[in-house]
Amino acid sequence: MAKSGTEEWRRNADTHKMSAEEVRATGVEASMRPPGRGPGEVLHQRGRLPYGPGTMALVGFGIVGVIGYLVLYQNARPGTPATEVAKVAVGHGDPAVGRDPEKRPEGK
C-alpha cells in the first residue's frame, strides 16, 4: 500500500519549479510535463466558444438595437413619447413628430 502511494506521488509530481538536477535526484523524470493545469492549451484560451454563433449574433444584434434606441431617445426632444422614438428607430415613424405640437398625428 505504501509503495503505491509513493508511486502515485512520483507520477503526479509537480516538476515545473524544480531544476533538472532536483528532478533527477528525486527520480521523478516520468512526471515531467509543461507547467499549468492543462498542458497544450495556449495562454488560457478556450477550445470552443461558450455559446453558438447564432446565439451570439442574435445577442449582438439586440445590444446594437438597444444602444441605437437609447441614442435616438437621448437625442429626441423633451416632448417626444418613447413610442415615437421606437417607431423612428425601426423606420416606421416620422422624425418630425414631437418637435412641434402642430405636427403631431391626429388622434393623439
Protein backbone atom coordinates (compact mmCIF):
# COMPACT_ATOMS: atom_id res chain seq x y z
CA MET A 1 0.00 0.00 0.00
CA ALA A 2 2.70 2.45 0.96
CA LYS A 3 4.57 1.72 -2.22
CA SER A 4 1.59 2.57 -4.45
CA GLY A 5 1.16 5.91 -2.65
CA THR A 6 4.80 6.68 -3.25
CA GLU A 7 4.47 5.76 -6.90
CA GLU A 8 1.37 7.95 -7.19
CA TRP A 9 3.37 10.92 -5.91
CA ARG A 10 6.18 10.21 -8.35
CA ARG A 11 3.79 10.00 -11.29
CA ASN A 12 1.97 13.24 -10.40
CA ALA A 13 4.91 15.27 -9.09
CA ASP A 14 4.83 18.97 -9.90
CA THR A 15 8.23 19.35 -11.54
CA HIS A 16 7.99 22.71 -13.31
CA LYS A 17 9.50 24.55 -10.31
CA MET A 18 12.33 22.05 -9.91
CA SER A 19 15.70 22.25 -11.61
CA ALA A 20 16.84 19.39 -13.82
CA GLU A 21 19.24 18.23 -11.12
CA GLU A 22 16.47 18.13 -8.50
CA VAL A 23 14.22 16.14 -10.84
CA ARG A 24 16.97 13.57 -11.43
CA ALA A 25 17.84 13.41 -7.71
CA THR A 26 14.24 12.69 -6.65
CA GLY A 27 13.64 10.24 -9.50
CA VAL A 28 10.51 11.84 -10.95
CA GLU A 29 11.61 12.17 -14.58
CA ALA A 30 8.46 10.36 -15.73
CA SER A 31 6.20 13.12 -14.42
CA MET A 32 7.91 15.98 -16.27
CA ARG A 33 5.37 17.98 -18.28
CA PRO A 34 4.81 21.64 -19.18
CA PRO A 35 3.59 23.92 -16.38
CA GLY A 36 -0.11 24.62 -15.97
CA ARG A 37 -3.25 22.59 -15.36
CA GLY A 38 -3.95 21.71 -18.97
CA PRO A 39 -0.68 21.43 -20.87
CA GLY A 40 -1.15 22.10 -24.53
CA GLU A 41 -3.55 25.00 -24.07
CA VAL A 42 -2.43 28.36 -25.40
CA LEU A 43 -2.35 31.03 -22.68
CA HIS A 44 -5.67 30.14 -21.04
CA GLN A 45 -7.61 30.26 -24.31
CA ARG A 46 -10.71 28.13 -24.59
CA GLY A 47 -11.01 25.43 -27.17
CA ARG A 48 -14.58 26.34 -28.04
CA LEU A 49 -16.92 29.25 -27.54
CA PRO A 50 -19.42 29.25 -24.64
CA TYR A 51 -22.42 29.87 -26.94
CA GLY A 52 -23.22 29.10 -30.56
CA PRO A 53 -22.56 31.67 -33.28
CA GLY A 54 -26.28 32.19 -33.95
CA THR A 55 -26.97 32.96 -30.30
CA MET A 56 -24.05 35.38 -30.11
CA ALA A 57 -25.16 37.11 -33.35
CA LEU A 58 -28.70 37.48 -32.01
CA VAL A 59 -27.48 38.91 -28.69
CA GLY A 60 -25.11 41.26 -30.55
CA PHE A 61 -27.93 42.46 -32.77
CA GLY A 62 -30.09 43.07 -29.69
CA ILE A 63 -27.34 45.02 -27.96
CA VAL A 64 -26.80 47.19 -31.05
CA GLY A 65 -30.57 47.76 -31.28
CA VAL A 66 -30.82 48.82 -27.63
CA ILE A 67 -27.87 51.19 -27.97
CA GLY A 68 -29.38 52.68 -31.15
CA TYR A 69 -32.74 53.15 -29.44
CA LEU A 70 -31.12 54.82 -26.43
CA VAL A 71 -29.14 57.17 -28.70
CA LEU A 72 -32.31 58.17 -30.55
CA TYR A 73 -34.19 58.56 -27.27
CA GLN A 74 -31.40 60.72 -25.85
CA ASN A 75 -31.39 62.97 -28.93
CA ALA A 76 -35.19 63.31 -29.09
CA ARG A 77 -36.91 66.48 -27.98
CA PRO A 78 -38.39 66.52 -24.45
CA GLY A 79 -41.99 66.27 -25.69
CA THR A 80 -41.46 63.17 -27.82
CA PRO A 81 -43.04 59.99 -26.41
CA ALA A 82 -40.94 56.83 -26.25
CA THR A 83 -43.26 55.04 -28.69
CA GLU A 84 -42.49 57.61 -31.39
CA VAL A 85 -38.77 57.13 -30.81
CA ALA A 86 -39.22 53.37 -31.22
CA LYS A 87 -41.18 53.89 -34.46
CA VAL A 88 -38.41 56.10 -35.85
CA ALA A 89 -35.80 53.54 -34.76
CA VAL A 90 -37.42 50.79 -36.85
CA GLY A 91 -38.19 53.13 -39.76
CA HIS A 92 -41.99 53.45 -39.42
CA GLY A 93 -42.21 56.82 -37.73
CA ASP A 94 -41.89 60.43 -38.76
CA PRO A 95 -38.80 62.09 -37.24
CA ALA A 96 -40.62 65.44 -37.26
CA VAL A 97 -43.26 64.19 -34.81
CA GLY A 98 -42.66 65.57 -31.36
CA ARG A 99 -40.67 68.58 -32.49
CA ASP A 100 -43.65 70.87 -32.87
CA PRO A 101 -47.05 70.32 -31.24
CA GLU A 102 -48.79 71.21 -34.53
CA LYS A 103 -47.12 68.34 -36.41
CA ARG A 104 -48.37 65.58 -34.12
CA PRO A 105 -50.53 62.94 -35.82
CA GLU A 106 -54.26 63.21 -35.45
CA GLY A 107 -55.90 61.44 -32.55
CA LYS A 108 -53.07 61.94 -30.10
